[in-house]
Amino acid sequence: MKKYIVLFVVALLLFTACQKVVDADKLLDTEEKVFVQSYLSPQDTVFRVHVSRVFPSIGTPLSVRDDEANEAKFLIKDAQVSISDETGNSTNLSYSEENRAYLANANTLVIMSNQSYFLKVITDGETFNASCQIPEKVAEINGRINLRDNGFGGQDADIDLSFQDLIGKRNFYVLGGLVTTTYQYQGEEPQTSSYPLFFDSDKFLSDALEDGGILNGRSLNSFGGEIDILDATITLQLTNVEEILFQNLKSAATNANADGNPFVEYSIAPNNFKEEGAIGVFAGYQLTEKVIELDL
């Protein structure tokens, strides 16, 4: 399955000419539109495209008791969805009830760095198009972990992820990861669980200040305490993303952090669909990972 791209933090940037910005003044009285979202990478094992409807925020009736009816109002299950490359090779995606998305096996179309790909969605007699370009992959990331007793029977882990910026072009990066632990309560069987690794303000990085320099992010985590940790693995993840995906994730993070705060202005998500009847993001990314076993 598609790897986590860990999302989260602050401010809209200026959009490039091929990317349209949704006018905030028109949000309340906007007409019904088709919403499409898909992120594409050579590391995918499954292509995934979400297609749904968006309605005006005022005047759209929803049931307070029937979640399935509300869901049916938004989901589009009968669209024709395809992804193609520069030479005309293409793959068709089929709707999955379980995933609420259109899926295709990634071996049906080769995804390569610096190549353009095209998404086509046909629904209700209309055709909507967007394109993306796959960025280059960062060859290697470095991870340094400092462990120390926290005074509560466990250990704190100070995690530093660093890498060299790709030289010669503007790049946008998102940092994240996954912590997997096997733990055991006294008298019980061992259990294994995973949770995201957060880099807070270091999550979104770019090379705006220096081309080819060393970039890094820091994450603080705790292990142990009242339970015995039998095994712990940290998977550091670095994604090199297109600018519009960078903006989209930052916008989502800003809005999540601002939820319920009347003093914070919400960010408007970017859009790179050509036709007026659709909004959404189709964007490329590359994922680099490094797995570190902790000796707790």
C-alpha atoms as a PDB file:
ATOM      1  CA  MET A   1       0.000   0.000   0.000  1.00  0.00           C
ATOM      2  CA  LYS A   2       0.981   3.591  -0.419  1.00  0.00           C
ATOM      3  CA  LYS A   3       3.364   4.705   2.305  1.00  0.00           C
ATOM      4  CA  TYR A   4       2.418   7.367   4.788  1.00  0.00           C
ATOM      5  CA  ILE A   5       3.117  10.853   3.736  1.00  0.00           C
ATOM      6  CA  VAL A   6       3.004  12.529   7.097  1.00  0.00           C
ATOM      7  CA  LEU A   7       1.065  15.824   6.932  1.00  0.00           C
ATOM      8  CA  PHE A   8       1.089  18.986   9.130  1.00  0.00           C
ATOM      9  CA  VAL A   9       2.057  23.205   9.745  1.00  0.00           C
ATOM     10  CA  VAL A  10       1.820  27.055   8.632  1.00  0.00           C
ATOM     11  CA  ALA A  11       1.167  29.635   5.729  1.00  0.00           C
ATOM     12  CA  LEU A  12       0.316  29.558   2.027  1.00  0.00           C
ATOM     13  CA  LEU A  13       3.071  30.250  -0.506  1.00  0.00           C
ATOM     14  CA  LEU A  14       2.621  31.900  -3.897  1.00  0.00           C
ATOM     15  CA  PHE A  15       1.322  29.410  -6.451  1.00  0.00           C
ATOM     16  CA  THR A  16       2.933  28.820  -9.820  1.00  0.00           C
ATOM     17  CA  ALA A  17       1.143  29.918 -12.953  1.00  0.00           C
ATOM     18  CA  CYS A  18      -0.359  26.510 -13.707  1.00  0.00           C
ATOM     19  CA  GLN A  19      -1.958  26.259 -10.270  1.00  0.00           C
ATOM     20  CA  LYS A  20      -5.264  27.960  -9.544  1.00  0.00           C
ATOM     21  CA  VAL A  21      -6.113  29.342  -6.122  1.00  0.00           C
ATOM     22  CA  VAL A  22      -9.638  29.023  -4.789  1.00  0.00           C
ATOM     23  CA  ASP A  23     -11.088  32.483  -4.100  1.00  0.00           C
ATOM     24  CA  ALA A  24     -12.006  32.619  -0.414  1.00  0.00           C
ATOM     25  CA  ASP A  25     -14.810  35.127  -1.107  1.00  0.00           C
ATOM     26  CA  LYS A  26     -16.591  32.507  -3.218  1.00  0.00           C
ATOM     27  CA  LEU A  27     -16.405  29.618  -0.790  1.00  0.00           C
ATOM     28  CA  LEU A  28     -19.818  30.128   0.776  1.00  0.00           C
ATOM     29  CA  ASP A  29     -21.787  30.410  -2.463  1.00  0.00           C
ATOM     30  CA  THR A  30     -19.785  28.027  -4.661  1.00  0.00           C
ATOM     31  CA  GLU A  31     -21.644  25.647  -6.940  1.00  0.00           C
ATOM     32  CA  GLU A  32     -21.362  21.904  -6.644  1.00  0.00           C
ATOM     33  CA  LYS A  33     -17.992  20.691  -7.915  1.00  0.00           C
ATOM     34  CA  VAL A  34     -16.112  17.446  -8.336  1.00  0.00           C
ATOM     35  CA  PHE A  35     -13.266  17.002  -5.856  1.00  0.00           C
ATOM     36  CA  VAL A  36     -10.315  14.829  -6.922  1.00  0.00           C
ATOM     37  CA  GLN A  37      -7.157  13.972  -4.991  1.00  0.00           C
ATOM     38  CA  SER A  38      -4.304  11.662  -5.938  1.00  0.00           C
ATOM     39  CA  TYR A  39      -0.595  11.482  -5.135  1.00  0.00           C
ATOM     40  CA  LEU A  40       1.716   9.508  -7.434  1.00  0.00           C
ATOM     41  CA  SER A  41       5.121   7.941  -6.709  1.00  0.00           C
ATOM     42  CA  PRO A  42       7.478   5.262  -8.086  1.00  0.00           C
ATOM     43  CA  GLN A  43       7.275   3.700  -4.612  1.00  0.00           C
ATOM     44  CA  ASP A  44       3.526   3.069  -4.909  1.00  0.00           C
ATOM     45  CA  THR A  45       2.251  -0.477  -5.021  1.00  0.00           C
ATOM     46  CA  VAL A  46      -1.309   0.738  -5.631  1.00  0.00           C
ATOM     47  CA  PHE A  47      -2.486   3.800  -7.558  1.00  0.00           C
ATOM     48  CA  ARG A  48      -5.230   5.569  -5.620  1.00  0.00           C
ATOM     49  CA  VAL A  49      -7.583   8.356  -6.725  1.00  0.00           C
ATOM     50  CA  HIS A  50     -10.308   9.835  -4.513  1.00  0.00           C
ATOM     51  CA  VAL A  51     -13.311  11.297  -6.358  1.00  0.00           C
ATOM     52  CA  SER A  52     -16.227  12.962  -4.579  1.00  0.00           C
ATOM     53  CA  ARG A  53     -18.529  15.976  -4.676  1.00  0.00           C
ATOM     54  CA  VAL A  54     -18.216  19.230  -2.796  1.00  0.00           C
ATOM     55  CA  PHE A  55     -21.283  21.318  -2.019  1.00  0.00           C
ATOM     56  CA  PRO A  56     -21.832  24.872  -0.777  1.00  0.00           C
ATOM     57  CA  SER A  57     -21.134  25.067   2.955  1.00  0.00           C
ATOM     58  CA  ILE A  58     -24.469  26.809   3.460  1.00  0.00           C
ATOM     59  CA  GLY A  59     -27.728  25.324   2.215  1.00  0.00           C
ATOM     60  CA  THR A  60     -26.632  21.689   1.838  1.00  0.00           C
ATOM     61  CA  PRO A  61     -28.968  19.468   3.916  1.00  0.00           C
ATOM     62  CA  LEU A  62     -27.330  16.643   5.874  1.00  0.00           C
ATOM     63  CA  SER A  63     -28.871  14.023   8.124  1.00  0.00           C
ATOM     64  CA  VAL A  64     -27.958  14.079  11.810  1.00  0.00           C
ATOM     65  CA  ARG A  65     -28.818  10.369  12.131  1.00  0.00           C
ATOM     66  CA  ASP A  66     -27.855   8.726   8.842  1.00  0.00           C
ATOM     67  CA  ASP A  67     -24.103   8.858   8.161  1.00  0.00           C
ATOM     68  CA  GLU A  68     -24.438   6.450   5.241  1.00  0.00           C
ATOM     69  CA  ALA A  69     -26.896   8.772   3.514  1.00  0.00           C
ATOM     70  CA  ASN A  70     -24.537  11.700   4.027  1.00  0.00           C
ATOM     71  CA  GLU A  71     -21.639   9.685   2.629  1.00  0.00           C
ATOM     72  CA  ALA A  72     -23.654   8.628  -0.409  1.00  0.00           C
ATOM     73  CA  LYS A  73     -24.379  12.276  -1.152  1.00  0.00           C
ATOM     74  CA  PHE A  74     -20.668  13.031  -1.535  1.00  0.00           C
ATOM     75  CA  LEU A  75     -19.096   9.880  -2.995  1.00  0.00           C
ATOM     76  CA  ILE A  76     -18.887   9.371  -6.764  1.00  0.00           C
ATOM     77  CA  LYS A  77     -18.701   5.647  -7.484  1.00  0.00           C
ATOM     78  CA  ASP A  78     -19.316   5.473 -11.248  1.00  0.00           C
ATOM     79  CA  ALA A  79     -16.586   7.733 -12.673  1.00  0.00           C
ATOM     80  CA  GLN A  80     -14.136   6.676 -15.374  1.00  0.00           C
ATOM     81  CA  VAL A  81     -10.644   7.244 -13.999  1.00  0.00           C
ATOM     82  CA  SER A  82      -7.337   6.756 -15.813  1.00  0.00           C
ATOM     83  CA  ILE A  83      -3.665   7.705 -15.450  1.00  0.00           C
ATOM     84  CA  SER A  84      -1.380   7.949 -18.492  1.00  0.00           C
ATOM     85  CA  ASP A  85       2.239   8.799 -19.276  1.00  0.00           C
ATOM     86  CA  GLU A  86       3.932  10.998 -21.885  1.00  0.00           C
ATOM     87  CA  THR A  87       4.014   8.235 -24.501  1.00  0.00           C
ATOM     88  CA  GLY A  88       0.327   7.326 -24.243  1.00  0.00           C
ATOM     89  CA  ASN A  89       0.560   4.278 -21.993  1.00  0.00           C
ATOM     90  CA  SER A  90      -2.349   4.276 -19.558  1.00  0.00           C
ATOM     91  CA  THR A  91      -4.062   2.344 -16.795  1.00  0.00           C
ATOM     92  CA  ASN A  92      -7.712   2.377 -15.745  1.00  0.00           C
ATOM     93  CA  LEU A  93      -8.704   2.501 -12.088  1.00  0.00           C
ATOM     94  CA  SER A  94     -11.748   0.746 -10.611  1.00  0.00           C
ATOM     95  CA  TYR A  95     -13.848   1.864  -7.654  1.00  0.00           C
ATOM     96  CA  SER A  96     -13.271   0.040  -4.359  1.00  0.00           C
ATOM     97  CA  GLU A  97     -16.153   0.102  -1.861  1.00  0.00           C
ATOM     98  CA  GLU A  98     -13.793  -0.891   0.938  1.00  0.00           C
ATOM     99  CA  ASN A  99     -11.328   1.942   0.260  1.00  0.00           C
ATOM    100  CA  ARG A 100     -13.863   4.495  -1.038  1.00  0.00           C
ATOM    101  CA  ALA A 101     -11.402   5.257  -3.819  1.00  0.00           C
ATOM    102  CA  TYR A 102     -10.450   4.238  -7.355  1.00  0.00           C
ATOM    103  CA  LEU A 103      -7.561   1.753  -7.380  1.00  0.00           C
ATOM    104  CA  ALA A 104      -5.200   0.051  -9.824  1.00  0.00           C
ATOM    105  CA  ASN A 105      -2.156  -2.133  -9.311  1.00  0.00           C
ATOM    106  CA  ALA A 106       0.995  -0.033  -9.716  1.00  0.00           C
ATOM    107  CA  ASN A 107       2.571  -2.615 -12.034  1.00  0.00           C
ATOM    108  CA  THR A 108       0.111  -1.522 -14.750  1.00  0.00           C
ATOM    109  CA  LEU A 109       2.046   1.711 -15.434  1.00  0.00           C
ATOM    110  CA  VAL A 110       5.727   2.533 -14.925  1.00  0.00           C
ATOM    111  CA  ILE A 111       6.315   5.681 -12.836  1.00  0.00           C
ATOM    112  CA  MET A 112       9.706   7.364 -13.334  1.00  0.00           C
ATOM    113  CA  SER A 113      11.569  10.427 -12.068  1.00  0.00           C
ATOM    114  CA  ASN A 114      11.310  13.653 -14.091  1.00  0.00           C
ATOM    115  CA  GLN A 115       8.435  12.255 -16.177  1.00  0.00           C
ATOM    116  CA  SER A 116       4.973  13.798 -16.523  1.00  0.00           C
ATOM    117  CA  TYR A 117       1.749  11.901 -15.870  1.00  0.00           C
ATOM    118  CA  PHE A 118      -1.839  12.759 -16.656  1.00  0.00           C
ATOM    119  CA  LEU A 119      -5.001  12.060 -14.685  1.00  0.00           C
ATOM    120  CA  LYS A 120      -8.382  11.985 -16.425  1.00  0.00           C
ATOM    121  CA  VAL A 121     -11.700  11.733 -14.594  1.00  0.00           C
ATOM    122  CA  ILE A 122     -14.989  11.445 -16.485  1.00  0.00           C
ATOM    123  CA  THR A 123     -18.214  11.789 -14.503  1.00  0.00           C
ATOM    124  CA  ASP A 124     -21.727  13.072 -15.202  1.00  0.00           C
ATOM    125  CA  GLY A 125     -20.764  13.643 -18.838  1.00  0.00           C
ATOM    126  CA  GLU A 126     -17.853  15.961 -17.999  1.00  0.00           C
ATOM    127  CA  THR A 127     -14.114  15.373 -18.310  1.00  0.00           C
ATOM    128  CA  PHE A 128     -11.577  16.746 -15.832  1.00  0.00           C
ATOM    129  CA  ASN A 129      -7.802  16.728 -16.357  1.00  0.00           C
ATOM    130  CA  ALA A 130      -4.687  17.381 -14.304  1.00  0.00           C
ATOM    131  CA  SER A 131      -1.002  16.574 -14.676  1.00  0.00           C
ATOM    132  CA  CYS A 132       1.984  16.066 -12.403  1.00  0.00           C
ATOM    133  CA  GLN A 133       5.723  15.547 -12.677  1.00  0.00           C
ATOM    134  CA  ILE A 134       7.628  13.073 -10.525  1.00  0.00           C
ATOM    135  CA  PRO A 135      10.525  14.716  -8.634  1.00  0.00           C
ATOM    136  CA  GLU A 136      13.911  13.109  -8.099  1.00  0.00           C
ATOM    137  CA  LYS A 137      14.521  10.810  -5.151  1.00  0.00           C
ATOM    138  CA  VAL A 138      16.925  11.748  -2.369  1.00  0.00           C
ATOM    139  CA  ALA A 139      19.420   8.892  -2.387  1.00  0.00           C
ATOM    140  CA  GLU A 140      20.187   8.764   1.326  1.00  0.00           C
ATOM    141  CA  ILE A 141      19.005  10.129   4.641  1.00  0.00           C
ATOM    142  CA  ASN A 142      20.988  10.091   7.877  1.00  0.00           C
ATOM    143  CA  GLY A 143      19.520   9.462  11.305  1.00  0.00           C
ATOM    144  CA  ARG A 144      21.062  10.143  14.696  1.00  0.00           C
ATOM    145  CA  ILE A 145      19.256   9.067  17.876  1.00  0.00           C
ATOM    146  CA  ASN A 146      20.299  10.081  21.387  1.00  0.00           C
ATOM    147  CA  LEU A 147      18.706   8.075  24.214  1.00  0.00           C
ATOM    148  CA  ARG A 148      18.561   9.229  27.837  1.00  0.00           C
ATOM    149  CA  ASP A 149      16.684   8.182  30.987  1.00  0.00           C
ATOM    150  CA  ASN A 150      13.674  10.392  31.601  1.00  0.00           C
ATOM    151  CA  GLY A 151      13.406   9.819  35.352  1.00  0.00           C
ATOM    152  CA  PHE A 152      10.069   8.007  35.070  1.00  0.00           C
ATOM    153  CA  GLY A 153      11.379   4.528  34.337  1.00  0.00           C
ATOM    154  CA  GLY A 154      11.539   5.059  30.585  1.00  0.00           C
ATOM    155  CA  GLN A 155      13.773   6.730  28.020  1.00  0.00           C
ATOM    156  CA  ASP A 156      13.525   9.841  25.859  1.00  0.00           C
ATOM    157  CA  ALA A 157      14.758   9.660  22.271  1.00  0.00           C
ATOM    158  CA  ASP A 158      16.062  12.789  20.546  1.00  0.00           C
ATOM    159  CA  ILE A 159      15.876  11.952  16.825  1.00  0.00           C
ATOM    160  CA  ASP A 160      17.694  13.988  14.179  1.00  0.00           C
ATOM    161  CA  LEU A 161      17.033  13.365  10.468  1.00  0.00           C
ATOM    162  CA  SER A 162      19.398  15.030   7.984  1.00  0.00           C
ATOM    163  CA  PHE A 163      20.005  14.885   4.241  1.00  0.00           C
ATOM    164  CA  GLN A 164      21.609  16.804   1.399  1.00  0.00           C
ATOM    165  CA  ASP A 165      19.345  18.893  -0.801  1.00  0.00           C
ATOM    166  CA  LEU A 166      19.201  17.891  -4.461  1.00  0.00           C
ATOM    167  CA  ILE A 167      21.278  20.384  -6.450  1.00  0.00           C
ATOM    168  CA  GLY A 168      20.131  22.477  -9.377  1.00  0.00           C
ATOM    169  CA  LYS A 169      16.401  22.952  -8.844  1.00  0.00           C
ATOM    170  CA  ARG A 170      13.889  24.187  -6.287  1.00  0.00           C
ATOM    171  CA  ASN A 171      12.891  21.351  -3.964  1.00  0.00           C
ATOM    172  CA  PHE A 172      10.194  20.854  -1.355  1.00  0.00           C
ATOM    173  CA  TYR A 173      10.440  18.225   1.375  1.00  0.00           C
ATOM    174  CA  VAL A 174       8.142  16.701   3.994  1.00  0.00           C
ATOM    175  CA  LEU A 175       9.627  14.852   6.974  1.00  0.00           C
ATOM    176  CA  GLY A 176       7.919  12.070   8.876  1.00  0.00           C
ATOM    177  CA  GLY A 177       8.267   8.516   9.998  1.00  0.00           C
ATOM    178  CA  LEU A 178       6.882   5.581  11.894  1.00  0.00           C
ATOM    179  CA  VAL A 179       7.646   4.176  15.345  1.00  0.00           C
ATOM    180  CA  THR A 180       6.950   0.459  15.810  1.00  0.00           C
ATOM    181  CA  THR A 181       7.202  -1.044  19.290  1.00  0.00           C
ATOM    182  CA  THR A 182       6.652  -4.490  20.748  1.00  0.00           C
ATOM    183  CA  TYR A 183       5.666  -4.147  24.396  1.00  0.00           C
ATOM    184  CA  GLN A 184       4.344  -6.298  27.218  1.00  0.00           C
ATOM    185  CA  TYR A 185       2.282  -5.621  30.309  1.00  0.00           C
ATOM    186  CA  GLN A 186       3.005  -7.840  33.287  1.00  0.00           C
ATOM    187  CA  GLY A 187       1.168 -11.141  32.966  1.00  0.00           C
ATOM    188  CA  GLU A 188       0.020 -10.470  29.389  1.00  0.00           C
ATOM    189  CA  GLU A 189       1.137 -11.509  25.919  1.00  0.00           C
ATOM    190  CA  PRO A 190       3.421  -9.157  23.906  1.00  0.00           C
ATOM    191  CA  GLN A 191       1.707  -6.686  21.573  1.00  0.00           C
ATOM    192  CA  THR A 192       3.004  -4.674  18.615  1.00  0.00           C
ATOM    193  CA  SER A 193       1.770  -1.231  17.599  1.00  0.00           C
ATOM    194  CA  SER A 194       2.863   1.638  15.353  1.00  0.00           C
ATOM    195  CA  TYR A 195       2.352   5.385  15.461  1.00  0.00           C
ATOM    196  CA  PRO A 196       3.558   8.361  13.385  1.00  0.00           C
ATOM    197  CA  LEU A 197       6.795  10.172  14.083  1.00  0.00           C
ATOM    198  CA  PHE A 198       6.244  13.942  14.267  1.00  0.00           C
ATOM    199  CA  PHE A 199       8.776  16.640  13.413  1.00  0.00           C
ATOM    200  CA  ASP A 200       6.580  19.611  14.400  1.00  0.00           C
ATOM    201  CA  SER A 201       7.975  22.871  12.945  1.00  0.00           C
ATOM    202  CA  ASP A 202      10.712  20.973  11.066  1.00  0.00           C
ATOM    203  CA  LYS A 203       8.209  18.889   9.102  1.00  0.00           C
ATOM    204  CA  PHE A 204       8.123  21.151   6.022  1.00  0.00           C
ATOM    205  CA  LEU A 205      11.499  22.102   4.536  1.00  0.00           C
ATOM    206  CA  SER A 206      12.676  23.707   1.296  1.00  0.00           C
ATOM    207  CA  ASP A 207      15.964  24.806  -0.224  1.00  0.00           C
ATOM    208  CA  ALA A 208      14.888  28.435  -0.619  1.00  0.00           C
ATOM    209  CA  LEU A 209      17.920  29.704   1.327  1.00  0.00           C
ATOM    210  CA  GLU A 210      20.627  27.427  -0.084  1.00  0.00           C
ATOM    211  CA  ASP A 211      20.858  25.087  -3.058  1.00  0.00           C
ATOM    212  CA  GLY A 212      22.542  21.782  -2.237  1.00  0.00           C
ATOM    213  CA  GLY A 213      22.908  22.384   1.490  1.00  0.00           C
ATOM    214  CA  ILE A 214      22.281  20.050   4.422  1.00  0.00           C
ATOM    215  CA  LEU A 215      18.727  20.126   5.780  1.00  0.00           C
ATOM    216  CA  ASN A 216      17.548  18.511   8.987  1.00  0.00           C
ATOM    217  CA  GLY A 217      14.609  18.027  11.320  1.00  0.00           C
ATOM    218  CA  ARG A 218      14.264  17.005  14.957  1.00  0.00           C
ATOM    219  CA  SER A 219      11.712  14.831  16.747  1.00  0.00           C
ATOM    220  CA  LEU A 220      11.371  14.034  20.465  1.00  0.00           C
ATOM    221  CA  ASN A 221       9.814  10.751  21.641  1.00  0.00           C
ATOM    222  CA  SER A 222       9.498   8.698  24.832  1.00  0.00           C
ATOM    223  CA  PHE A 223       9.621   4.937  25.382  1.00  0.00           C
ATOM    224  CA  GLY A 224       8.881   2.644  28.291  1.00  0.00           C
ATOM    225  CA  GLY A 225       7.728   3.724  31.708  1.00  0.00           C
ATOM    226  CA  GLU A 226       4.980   1.508  33.101  1.00  0.00           C
ATOM    227  CA  ILE A 227       5.347  -1.114  30.353  1.00  0.00           C
ATOM    228  CA  ASP A 228       8.277  -3.228  29.183  1.00  0.00           C
ATOM    229  CA  ILE A 229       9.480  -2.395  25.662  1.00  0.00           C
ATOM    230  CA  LEU A 230      10.782  -5.592  24.066  1.00  0.00           C
ATOM    231  CA  ASP A 231      11.667  -4.115  20.683  1.00  0.00           C
ATOM    232  CA  ALA A 232      11.515  -0.691  19.031  1.00  0.00           C
ATOM    233  CA  THR A 233      12.108   0.297  15.417  1.00  0.00           C
ATOM    234  CA  ILE A 234      12.088   3.780  13.928  1.00  0.00           C
ATOM    235  CA  THR A 235      11.472   4.251  10.209  1.00  0.00           C
ATOM    236  CA  LEU A 236      12.596   7.714   9.112  1.00  0.00           C
ATOM    237  CA  GLN A 237      10.748   8.990   6.034  1.00  0.00           C
ATOM    238  CA  LEU A 238      11.659  11.828   3.688  1.00  0.00           C
ATOM    239  CA  THR A 239       9.429  12.775   0.768  1.00  0.00           C
ATOM    240  CA  ASN A 240      10.535  15.059  -2.036  1.00  0.00           C
ATOM    241  CA  VAL A 241       7.239  16.495  -3.266  1.00  0.00           C
ATOM    242  CA  GLU A 242       5.954  18.792  -5.981  1.00  0.00           C
ATOM    243  CA  GLU A 243       5.325  22.339  -4.816  1.00  0.00           C
ATOM    244  CA  ILE A 244       1.543  22.012  -5.078  1.00  0.00           C
ATOM    245  CA  LEU A 245       1.596  18.923  -2.829  1.00  0.00           C
ATOM    246  CA  PHE A 246       3.811  20.802  -0.370  1.00  0.00           C
ATOM    247  CA  GLN A 247       1.249  23.631  -0.337  1.00  0.00           C
ATOM    248  CA  ASN A 248      -1.657  21.227   0.006  1.00  0.00           C
ATOM    249  CA  LEU A 249      -0.159  19.447   3.012  1.00  0.00           C
ATOM    250  CA  LYS A 250       0.792  22.722   4.696  1.00  0.00           C
ATOM    251  CA  SER A 251      -2.707  24.051   4.098  1.00  0.00           C
ATOM    252  CA  ALA A 252      -4.236  20.929   5.662  1.00  0.00           C
ATOM    253  CA  ALA A 253      -1.882  21.210   8.636  1.00  0.00           C
ATOM    254  CA  THR A 254      -2.644  24.888   9.140  1.00  0.00           C
ATOM    255  CA  ASN A 255      -6.371  24.251   9.106  1.00  0.00           C
ATOM    256  CA  ALA A 256      -6.071  21.281  11.481  1.00  0.00           C
ATOM    257  CA  ASN A 257      -4.073  23.375  13.945  1.00  0.00           C
ATOM    258  CA  ALA A 258      -6.537  26.268  13.621  1.00  0.00           C
ATOM    259  CA  ASP A 259      -9.655  24.177  14.185  1.00  0.00           C
ATOM    260  CA  GLY A 260     -11.810  25.922  16.775  1.00  0.00           C
ATOM    261  CA  ASN A 261      -9.508  28.958  17.042  1.00  0.00           C
ATOM    262  CA  PRO A 262     -11.435  32.117  16.003  1.00  0.00           C
ATOM    263  CA  PHE A 263      -8.233  34.163  15.754  1.00  0.00           C
ATOM    264  CA  VAL A 264      -6.533  32.047  13.083  1.00  0.00           C
ATOM    265  CA  GLU A 265      -7.314  32.514   9.386  1.00  0.00           C
ATOM    266  CA  TYR A 266      -7.857  29.278   7.498  1.00  0.00           C
ATOM    267  CA  SER A 267      -5.702  28.437   4.473  1.00  0.00           C
ATOM    268  CA  ILE A 268      -7.282  27.766   1.082  1.00  0.00           C
ATOM    269  CA  ALA A 269      -6.087  24.564  -0.556  1.00  0.00           C
ATOM    270  CA  PRO A 270      -4.445  24.771  -4.020  1.00  0.00           C
ATOM    271  CA  ASN A 271      -5.976  23.317  -7.170  1.00  0.00           C
ATOM    272  CA  ASN A 272      -4.343  22.134 -10.415  1.00  0.00           C
ATOM    273  CA  PHE A 273      -7.332  20.847 -12.373  1.00  0.00           C
ATOM    274  CA  LYS A 274      -7.791  22.635 -15.689  1.00  0.00           C
ATOM    275  CA  GLU A 275     -11.584  22.676 -15.858  1.00  0.00           C
ATOM    276  CA  GLU A 276     -13.757  24.941 -13.694  1.00  0.00           C
ATOM    277  CA  GLY A 277     -16.042  22.094 -12.626  1.00  0.00           C
ATOM    278  CA  ALA A 278     -13.371  20.312 -10.596  1.00  0.00           C
ATOM    279  CA  ILE A 279     -11.026  21.165  -7.755  1.00  0.00           C
ATOM    280  CA  GLY A 280      -8.269  19.111  -6.182  1.00  0.00           C
ATOM    281  CA  VAL A 281      -4.638  18.088  -6.415  1.00  0.00           C
ATOM    282  CA  PHE A 282      -2.855  15.533  -8.585  1.00  0.00           C
ATOM    283  CA  ALA A 283       0.820  15.577  -7.608  1.00  0.00           C
ATOM    284  CA  GLY A 284       4.011  13.533  -7.643  1.00  0.00           C
ATOM    285  CA  TYR A 285       6.444  12.647  -4.885  1.00  0.00           C
ATOM    286  CA  GLN A 286       9.417  10.410  -4.057  1.00  0.00           C
ATOM    287  CA  LEU A 287       9.853   8.553  -0.772  1.00  0.00           C
ATOM    288  CA  THR A 288      13.181   7.729   0.908  1.00  0.00           C
ATOM    289  CA  GLU A 289      13.295   5.637   4.089  1.00  0.00           C
ATOM    290  CA  LYS A 290      15.837   4.597   6.706  1.00  0.00           C
ATOM    291  CA  VAL A 291      15.089   1.931   9.337  1.00  0.00           C
ATOM    292  CA  ILE A 292      16.841   2.137  12.718  1.00  0.00           C
ATOM    293  CA  GLU A 293      16.632  -0.527  15.437  1.00  0.00           C
ATOM    294  CA  LEU A 294      16.704   0.972  18.938  1.00  0.00           C
ATOM    295  CA  ASP A 295      18.665  -0.630  21.763  1.00  0.00           C
ATOM    296  CA  LEU A 296      16.537   0.338  24.753  1.00  0.00           C
END
